[in-house]
N, C-alpha and C. Protein backbone atom coordinates (compact mmCIF):
# COMPACT_ATOMS: atom_id res chain seq x y z
N MET A 1 93.57 67.37 100.07
CA MET A 1 94.46 68.27 100.76
C MET A 1 94.08 69.72 100.44
N ILE A 2 94.08 70.56 101.46
CA ILE A 2 93.72 71.96 101.29
C ILE A 2 94.94 72.74 100.79
N GLU A 3 94.72 73.57 99.80
CA GLU A 3 95.75 74.44 99.25
C GLU A 3 95.38 75.89 99.59
N ILE A 4 96.34 76.66 100.11
CA ILE A 4 96.11 78.06 100.45
C ILE A 4 96.75 78.91 99.36
N VAL A 5 95.95 79.82 98.77
CA VAL A 5 96.44 80.67 97.69
C VAL A 5 96.00 82.11 97.93
N GLU A 6 96.79 83.06 97.42
CA GLU A 6 96.36 84.45 97.46
C GLU A 6 95.30 84.63 96.37
N LEU A 7 94.26 85.39 96.71
CA LEU A 7 93.16 85.61 95.79
C LEU A 7 93.23 87.01 95.20
N ASN A 8 92.97 87.13 93.92
CA ASN A 8 92.90 88.44 93.27
C ASN A 8 91.47 88.96 93.38
N HIS A 9 91.18 89.61 94.52
CA HIS A 9 89.82 90.08 94.78
C HIS A 9 89.41 91.24 93.88
N ARG A 10 90.32 91.75 93.07
CA ARG A 10 89.97 92.82 92.14
C ARG A 10 89.34 92.28 90.86
N ALA A 11 89.37 90.97 90.69
CA ALA A 11 88.67 90.33 89.57
C ALA A 11 87.23 90.04 90.05
N ARG A 12 86.27 90.51 89.30
CA ARG A 12 84.86 90.40 89.73
C ARG A 12 84.46 88.96 90.03
N VAL A 13 84.90 88.01 89.25
CA VAL A 13 84.52 86.61 89.48
C VAL A 13 85.06 86.12 90.83
N VAL A 14 86.26 86.57 91.19
CA VAL A 14 86.84 86.18 92.48
C VAL A 14 86.12 86.90 93.61
N ALA A 15 85.88 88.19 93.46
CA ALA A 15 85.15 88.95 94.48
C ALA A 15 83.76 88.36 94.70
N THR A 16 83.13 87.91 93.63
CA THR A 16 81.80 87.31 93.75
C THR A 16 81.87 86.00 94.53
N ALA A 17 82.90 85.20 94.29
CA ALA A 17 83.06 83.94 95.03
C ALA A 17 83.34 84.21 96.51
N ILE A 18 84.18 85.20 96.80
CA ILE A 18 84.45 85.57 98.19
C ILE A 18 83.15 86.03 98.85
N HIS A 19 82.42 86.90 98.16
CA HIS A 19 81.17 87.44 98.70
C HIS A 19 80.16 86.34 99.01
N HIS A 20 80.02 85.40 98.09
CA HIS A 20 79.08 84.29 98.30
C HIS A 20 79.43 83.52 99.57
N LEU A 21 80.70 83.22 99.74
CA LEU A 21 81.14 82.48 100.93
C LEU A 21 80.92 83.31 102.19
N GLN A 22 81.22 84.62 102.11
CA GLN A 22 81.00 85.48 103.27
C GLN A 22 79.52 85.51 103.66
N ILE A 23 78.63 85.64 102.70
CA ILE A 23 77.20 85.71 103.01
C ILE A 23 76.74 84.44 103.72
N VAL A 24 77.13 83.29 103.21
CA VAL A 24 76.73 82.02 103.83
C VAL A 24 77.27 81.92 105.26
N ALA A 25 78.56 82.22 105.42
CA ALA A 25 79.19 82.10 106.74
C ALA A 25 78.69 83.16 107.71
N TYR A 26 78.51 84.40 107.25
CA TYR A 26 78.07 85.46 108.15
C TYR A 26 76.60 85.30 108.54
N ARG A 27 75.78 84.73 107.69
CA ARG A 27 74.40 84.42 108.10
C ARG A 27 74.42 83.40 109.25
N GLN A 28 75.30 82.42 109.13
CA GLN A 28 75.43 81.42 110.18
C GLN A 28 75.92 82.07 111.47
N GLU A 29 76.92 82.97 111.38
CA GLU A 29 77.43 83.64 112.57
C GLU A 29 76.37 84.54 113.19
N ALA A 30 75.63 85.26 112.37
CA ALA A 30 74.57 86.14 112.90
C ALA A 30 73.55 85.33 113.70
N ALA A 31 73.18 84.17 113.17
CA ALA A 31 72.24 83.30 113.90
C ALA A 31 72.86 82.80 115.20
N LEU A 32 74.15 82.44 115.16
CA LEU A 32 74.84 81.93 116.34
C LEU A 32 74.86 82.96 117.47
N ILE A 33 75.09 84.22 117.13
CA ILE A 33 75.20 85.25 118.17
C ILE A 33 73.90 86.00 118.41
N GLY A 34 72.86 85.66 117.67
CA GLY A 34 71.55 86.29 117.87
C GLY A 34 71.46 87.71 117.34
N ALA A 35 72.20 88.01 116.27
CA ALA A 35 72.19 89.36 115.70
C ALA A 35 71.18 89.45 114.56
N THR A 36 70.33 90.44 114.61
CA THR A 36 69.38 90.65 113.51
C THR A 36 69.94 91.63 112.48
N ASP A 37 70.81 92.53 112.92
CA ASP A 37 71.47 93.46 112.01
C ASP A 37 72.97 93.23 112.17
N PHE A 38 73.58 92.53 111.23
CA PHE A 38 74.97 92.11 111.34
C PHE A 38 75.79 92.83 110.27
N PRO A 39 76.63 93.79 110.65
CA PRO A 39 77.35 94.61 109.67
C PRO A 39 78.12 93.84 108.59
N PRO A 40 78.77 92.71 108.88
CA PRO A 40 79.47 92.02 107.79
C PRO A 40 78.55 91.59 106.64
N LEU A 41 77.25 91.45 106.92
CA LEU A 41 76.33 91.07 105.85
C LEU A 41 76.02 92.24 104.92
N ARG A 42 76.48 93.43 105.27
CA ARG A 42 76.25 94.60 104.41
C ARG A 42 77.38 94.80 103.40
N VAL A 43 78.45 94.05 103.51
CA VAL A 43 79.57 94.17 102.56
C VAL A 43 79.09 93.71 101.19
N THR A 44 79.41 94.52 100.17
CA THR A 44 78.99 94.21 98.80
C THR A 44 80.17 93.72 97.98
N ILE A 45 79.87 93.21 96.81
CA ILE A 45 80.92 92.80 95.88
C ILE A 45 81.77 94.01 95.51
N ASP A 46 81.13 95.16 95.30
CA ASP A 46 81.89 96.37 94.98
C ASP A 46 82.82 96.77 96.13
N ASP A 47 82.38 96.56 97.37
CA ASP A 47 83.26 96.82 98.53
C ASP A 47 84.50 95.94 98.46
N LEU A 48 84.30 94.68 98.12
CA LEU A 48 85.43 93.75 98.02
C LEU A 48 86.37 94.15 96.88
N LEU A 49 85.80 94.54 95.75
CA LEU A 49 86.62 94.96 94.61
C LEU A 49 87.51 96.15 94.96
N ALA A 50 87.02 97.04 95.82
CA ALA A 50 87.75 98.26 96.17
C ALA A 50 88.62 98.11 97.42
N SER A 51 88.55 96.97 98.07
CA SER A 51 89.23 96.77 99.34
C SER A 51 90.76 96.80 99.20
N ASN A 52 91.41 97.33 100.23
CA ASN A 52 92.88 97.31 100.31
C ASN A 52 93.40 96.10 101.06
N GLU A 53 92.51 95.22 101.46
CA GLU A 53 92.90 94.01 102.18
C GLU A 53 93.59 93.03 101.24
N THR A 54 94.30 92.10 101.84
CA THR A 54 94.81 90.94 101.12
C THR A 54 93.87 89.79 101.47
N PHE A 55 93.49 89.02 100.47
CA PHE A 55 92.63 87.87 100.70
C PHE A 55 93.35 86.61 100.28
N CYS A 56 93.28 85.59 101.12
CA CYS A 56 93.81 84.27 100.80
C CYS A 56 92.67 83.28 100.91
N GLY A 57 92.69 82.30 100.04
CA GLY A 57 91.62 81.32 100.04
C GLY A 57 92.13 79.92 100.26
N ALA A 58 91.26 79.10 100.84
CA ALA A 58 91.52 77.68 101.00
C ALA A 58 90.76 76.96 99.89
N LEU A 59 91.50 76.20 99.11
CA LEU A 59 90.90 75.45 98.01
C LEU A 59 90.95 73.96 98.33
N LEU A 60 89.85 73.29 98.11
CA LEU A 60 89.79 71.84 98.24
C LEU A 60 89.25 71.33 96.90
N ASP A 61 90.05 70.56 96.21
CA ASP A 61 89.69 70.07 94.87
C ASP A 61 89.26 71.22 93.97
N GLY A 62 89.98 72.36 94.08
CA GLY A 62 89.70 73.50 93.23
C GLY A 62 88.53 74.36 93.66
N GLN A 63 87.82 73.97 94.71
CA GLN A 63 86.66 74.71 95.19
C GLN A 63 87.06 75.59 96.37
N LEU A 64 86.61 76.83 96.36
CA LEU A 64 86.87 77.76 97.45
C LEU A 64 86.04 77.35 98.66
N CYS A 65 86.72 77.02 99.77
CA CYS A 65 85.99 76.58 100.96
C CYS A 65 86.27 77.44 102.18
N GLY A 66 87.17 78.42 102.05
CA GLY A 66 87.46 79.32 103.15
C GLY A 66 88.22 80.52 102.65
N VAL A 67 88.03 81.66 103.32
CA VAL A 67 88.72 82.89 102.94
C VAL A 67 89.11 83.65 104.19
N ILE A 68 90.32 84.19 104.17
CA ILE A 68 90.77 85.07 105.24
C ILE A 68 91.18 86.39 104.59
N GLY A 69 90.76 87.48 105.23
CA GLY A 69 91.14 88.81 104.79
C GLY A 69 91.97 89.48 105.87
N PHE A 70 93.02 90.20 105.48
CA PHE A 70 93.85 90.86 106.48
C PHE A 70 94.51 92.09 105.88
N GLU A 71 94.92 92.98 106.79
CA GLU A 71 95.62 94.20 106.40
C GLU A 71 96.87 94.34 107.24
N GLU A 72 97.98 94.63 106.58
CA GLU A 72 99.25 94.84 107.27
C GLU A 72 99.53 96.34 107.32
N GLU A 73 99.96 96.79 108.49
CA GLU A 73 100.35 98.19 108.63
C GLU A 73 101.48 98.27 109.65
N GLY A 74 102.65 98.66 109.19
CA GLY A 74 103.79 98.77 110.09
C GLY A 74 104.13 97.43 110.72
N THR A 75 104.11 97.42 112.05
CA THR A 75 104.48 96.20 112.78
C THR A 75 103.27 95.38 113.21
N SER A 76 102.10 95.66 112.62
CA SER A 76 100.92 94.91 113.01
C SER A 76 100.10 94.46 111.80
N THR A 77 99.34 93.43 112.03
CA THR A 77 98.43 92.87 111.03
C THR A 77 97.08 92.71 111.69
N GLN A 78 96.04 93.12 110.99
CA GLN A 78 94.66 92.97 111.47
C GLN A 78 93.96 91.96 110.58
N ILE A 79 93.51 90.85 111.17
CA ILE A 79 92.67 89.92 110.42
C ILE A 79 91.27 90.54 110.42
N SER A 80 90.77 90.83 109.24
CA SER A 80 89.48 91.51 109.13
C SER A 80 88.32 90.54 108.90
N SER A 81 88.62 89.37 108.36
CA SER A 81 87.56 88.40 108.13
C SER A 81 88.14 87.00 108.01
N LEU A 82 87.39 86.06 108.49
CA LEU A 82 87.71 84.64 108.32
C LEU A 82 86.38 83.92 108.17
N VAL A 83 86.15 83.37 107.00
CA VAL A 83 84.89 82.67 106.74
C VAL A 83 85.20 81.29 106.16
N ILE A 84 84.45 80.32 106.64
CA ILE A 84 84.62 78.93 106.20
C ILE A 84 83.25 78.40 105.79
N ALA A 85 83.20 77.70 104.67
CA ALA A 85 81.95 77.08 104.23
C ALA A 85 81.45 76.18 105.36
N PRO A 86 80.15 76.25 105.67
CA PRO A 86 79.63 75.45 106.78
C PRO A 86 80.00 73.97 106.74
N ASP A 87 80.03 73.36 105.55
CA ASP A 87 80.36 71.93 105.48
C ASP A 87 81.86 71.65 105.63
N MET A 88 82.67 72.70 105.71
CA MET A 88 84.11 72.54 105.90
C MET A 88 84.59 72.98 107.29
N GLN A 89 83.66 73.38 108.13
CA GLN A 89 84.04 73.82 109.46
C GLN A 89 84.46 72.64 110.32
N ARG A 90 85.37 72.93 111.24
CA ARG A 90 85.91 71.94 112.18
C ARG A 90 86.70 70.84 111.48
N ARG A 91 87.34 71.22 110.36
CA ARG A 91 88.20 70.30 109.61
C ARG A 91 89.61 70.85 109.45
N GLY A 92 89.92 71.94 110.15
CA GLY A 92 91.25 72.51 110.09
C GLY A 92 91.43 73.61 109.06
N THR A 93 90.38 73.95 108.32
CA THR A 93 90.49 74.97 107.28
C THR A 93 90.79 76.34 107.88
N GLY A 94 90.09 76.71 108.93
CA GLY A 94 90.31 78.01 109.57
C GLY A 94 91.70 78.13 110.15
N ILE A 95 92.14 77.09 110.84
CA ILE A 95 93.49 77.10 111.42
C ILE A 95 94.54 77.21 110.32
N ALA A 96 94.34 76.49 109.21
CA ALA A 96 95.30 76.56 108.10
C ALA A 96 95.38 77.98 107.54
N LEU A 97 94.25 78.65 107.41
CA LEU A 97 94.25 80.02 106.89
C LEU A 97 94.92 80.99 107.86
N VAL A 98 94.63 80.87 109.15
CA VAL A 98 95.24 81.76 110.14
C VAL A 98 96.75 81.51 110.19
N ARG A 99 97.16 80.26 110.19
CA ARG A 99 98.60 79.95 110.20
C ARG A 99 99.30 80.49 108.96
N HIS A 100 98.60 80.48 107.84
CA HIS A 100 99.17 81.03 106.62
C HIS A 100 99.46 82.53 106.81
N VAL A 101 98.51 83.25 107.38
CA VAL A 101 98.70 84.68 107.64
C VAL A 101 99.84 84.88 108.63
N LEU A 102 99.87 84.09 109.69
CA LEU A 102 100.95 84.21 110.67
C LEU A 102 102.32 84.00 110.01
N GLY A 103 102.40 83.06 109.09
CA GLY A 103 103.64 82.81 108.37
C GLY A 103 104.05 83.98 107.49
N ARG A 104 103.08 84.61 106.88
CA ARG A 104 103.35 85.77 106.01
C ARG A 104 103.72 87.00 106.82
N CYS A 105 103.24 87.06 108.04
CA CYS A 105 103.38 88.28 108.85
C CYS A 105 104.31 88.06 110.04
N LYS A 106 105.34 87.25 109.85
CA LYS A 106 106.31 87.01 110.93
C LYS A 106 106.89 88.33 111.40
N GLY A 107 107.09 88.43 112.71
CA GLY A 107 107.66 89.64 113.28
C GLY A 107 106.64 90.75 113.50
N LYS A 108 105.36 90.44 113.28
CA LYS A 108 104.31 91.45 113.47
C LYS A 108 103.31 90.95 114.51
N ASP A 109 102.74 91.89 115.25
CA ASP A 109 101.60 91.56 116.11
C ASP A 109 100.41 91.30 115.19
N VAL A 110 99.61 90.30 115.51
CA VAL A 110 98.42 89.99 114.70
C VAL A 110 97.21 90.07 115.61
N ARG A 111 96.21 90.84 115.16
CA ARG A 111 94.98 91.03 115.94
C ARG A 111 93.76 90.60 115.14
N VAL A 112 92.72 90.23 115.86
CA VAL A 112 91.44 89.89 115.25
C VAL A 112 90.35 90.27 116.24
N THR A 113 89.22 90.67 115.71
CA THR A 113 88.06 91.00 116.54
C THR A 113 86.89 90.16 116.06
N THR A 114 86.16 89.58 117.01
CA THR A 114 84.99 88.77 116.69
C THR A 114 83.96 88.95 117.78
N ALA A 115 82.77 88.46 117.54
CA ALA A 115 81.72 88.54 118.55
C ALA A 115 82.10 87.67 119.74
N ALA A 116 81.86 88.19 120.94
CA ALA A 116 82.19 87.45 122.17
C ALA A 116 81.38 86.15 122.26
N LEU A 117 80.24 86.09 121.59
CA LEU A 117 79.43 84.88 121.60
C LEU A 117 79.84 83.87 120.53
N ASN A 118 80.80 84.23 119.71
CA ASN A 118 81.26 83.32 118.66
C ASN A 118 82.32 82.38 119.26
N VAL A 119 81.86 81.47 120.07
CA VAL A 119 82.73 80.55 120.81
C VAL A 119 83.64 79.73 119.88
N PRO A 120 83.13 79.20 118.75
CA PRO A 120 84.03 78.43 117.89
C PRO A 120 85.19 79.26 117.36
N ALA A 121 84.95 80.51 116.97
CA ALA A 121 86.04 81.36 116.46
C ALA A 121 87.05 81.67 117.55
N ILE A 122 86.56 81.99 118.73
CA ILE A 122 87.46 82.31 119.84
C ILE A 122 88.32 81.10 120.18
N ALA A 123 87.72 79.92 120.19
CA ALA A 123 88.47 78.70 120.48
C ALA A 123 89.55 78.46 119.42
N LEU A 124 89.23 78.72 118.16
CA LEU A 124 90.20 78.55 117.08
C LEU A 124 91.40 79.46 117.32
N TYR A 125 91.15 80.74 117.57
CA TYR A 125 92.26 81.68 117.77
C TYR A 125 93.07 81.34 119.03
N ARG A 126 92.39 80.98 120.09
CA ARG A 126 93.11 80.66 121.34
C ARG A 126 94.00 79.44 121.18
N CYS A 127 93.56 78.46 120.40
CA CYS A 127 94.35 77.23 120.26
C CYS A 127 95.66 77.47 119.51
N ILE A 128 95.79 78.62 118.83
CA ILE A 128 97.05 78.91 118.15
C ILE A 128 97.74 80.14 118.73
N GLY A 129 97.47 80.38 120.02
CA GLY A 129 98.26 81.35 120.76
C GLY A 129 97.72 82.76 120.89
N PHE A 130 96.52 83.03 120.42
CA PHE A 130 95.94 84.36 120.60
C PHE A 130 95.39 84.49 122.02
N VAL A 131 95.53 85.67 122.59
CA VAL A 131 95.00 85.95 123.93
C VAL A 131 94.12 87.19 123.86
N GLU A 132 93.15 87.25 124.74
CA GLU A 132 92.23 88.39 124.77
C GLU A 132 92.98 89.66 125.15
N SER A 133 92.73 90.73 124.39
CA SER A 133 93.35 92.02 124.71
C SER A 133 92.33 93.13 124.90
N GLY A 134 91.04 92.83 124.72
CA GLY A 134 90.03 93.85 124.96
C GLY A 134 88.64 93.40 124.57
N ARG A 135 87.66 94.14 125.08
CA ARG A 135 86.25 93.91 124.76
C ARG A 135 85.58 95.25 124.55
N MET A 136 84.52 95.22 123.72
CA MET A 136 83.79 96.45 123.45
C MET A 136 82.33 96.09 123.13
N LEU A 137 81.41 96.80 123.77
CA LEU A 137 79.99 96.63 123.50
C LEU A 137 79.64 97.54 122.33
N VAL A 138 79.18 96.97 121.22
CA VAL A 138 78.87 97.79 120.04
C VAL A 138 77.38 98.02 119.86
N SER A 139 76.57 97.21 120.51
CA SER A 139 75.13 97.41 120.55
C SER A 139 74.63 96.69 121.80
N GLU A 140 73.37 96.82 122.08
CA GLU A 140 72.90 96.22 123.33
C GLU A 140 72.99 94.70 123.33
N ASN A 141 73.13 94.08 122.15
CA ASN A 141 73.24 92.62 122.16
C ASN A 141 74.50 92.08 121.48
N ILE A 142 75.44 92.96 121.07
CA ILE A 142 76.67 92.47 120.45
C ILE A 142 77.88 93.05 121.19
N GLU A 143 78.63 92.14 121.80
CA GLU A 143 79.90 92.50 122.42
C GLU A 143 81.00 91.90 121.56
N LEU A 144 82.02 92.69 121.29
CA LEU A 144 83.16 92.22 120.51
C LEU A 144 84.34 91.94 121.42
N ILE A 145 85.10 90.94 121.05
CA ILE A 145 86.33 90.61 121.77
C ILE A 145 87.50 90.73 120.78
N THR A 146 88.57 91.36 121.24
CA THR A 146 89.78 91.45 120.43
C THR A 146 90.78 90.47 121.01
N LEU A 147 91.38 89.71 120.11
CA LEU A 147 92.41 88.74 120.49
C LEU A 147 93.68 89.13 119.75
N GLU A 148 94.82 88.90 120.39
CA GLU A 148 96.09 89.30 119.82
C GLU A 148 97.13 88.19 120.00
N ARG A 149 97.98 88.09 119.01
CA ARG A 149 99.12 87.17 119.07
C ARG A 149 100.36 88.02 118.85
N ALA A 150 101.19 88.12 119.89
CA ALA A 150 102.36 88.97 119.82
C ALA A 150 103.37 88.44 118.83
N ARG A 151 104.11 89.35 118.21
CA ARG A 151 105.14 88.96 117.25
C ARG A 151 106.12 88.00 117.89
N GLY A 152 106.61 87.11 117.08
CA GLY A 152 107.59 86.15 117.56
C GLY A 152 106.99 84.90 118.18
N MET A 153 105.68 84.87 118.31
CA MET A 153 105.05 83.67 118.89
C MET A 153 104.83 82.64 117.82
């Protein structure tokens, strides 16, 4: 059974574990969308240590298998990252993490931005009520899509 816990990303050992999972997952995403220069791969352990985000992790038998990062501001929440270990994908880990954030942020609009070519991520968000609210071309080969779930949903 997966357990969702808040992570103390200010502890170097925890930030290192988050970073390791991000690197593995973001390399996979970069390959999926055909990106050779993928900004999430530039995040360092020191960036994580200094981050104002809240991080929650999915633990399976004590092992970190997924992480979600988010920031709350006023009546909105921005999911800034969602990474799942490749061998744990399509097992409900991502949905469990997103639902955890939705539960913590009741009464707030929740937004997330991902690559338009990241079909698995978009499908995950859509299946739990997120709808497209915008698109933006950030380079000649990367288009981002923003999805939003209105408060009270």
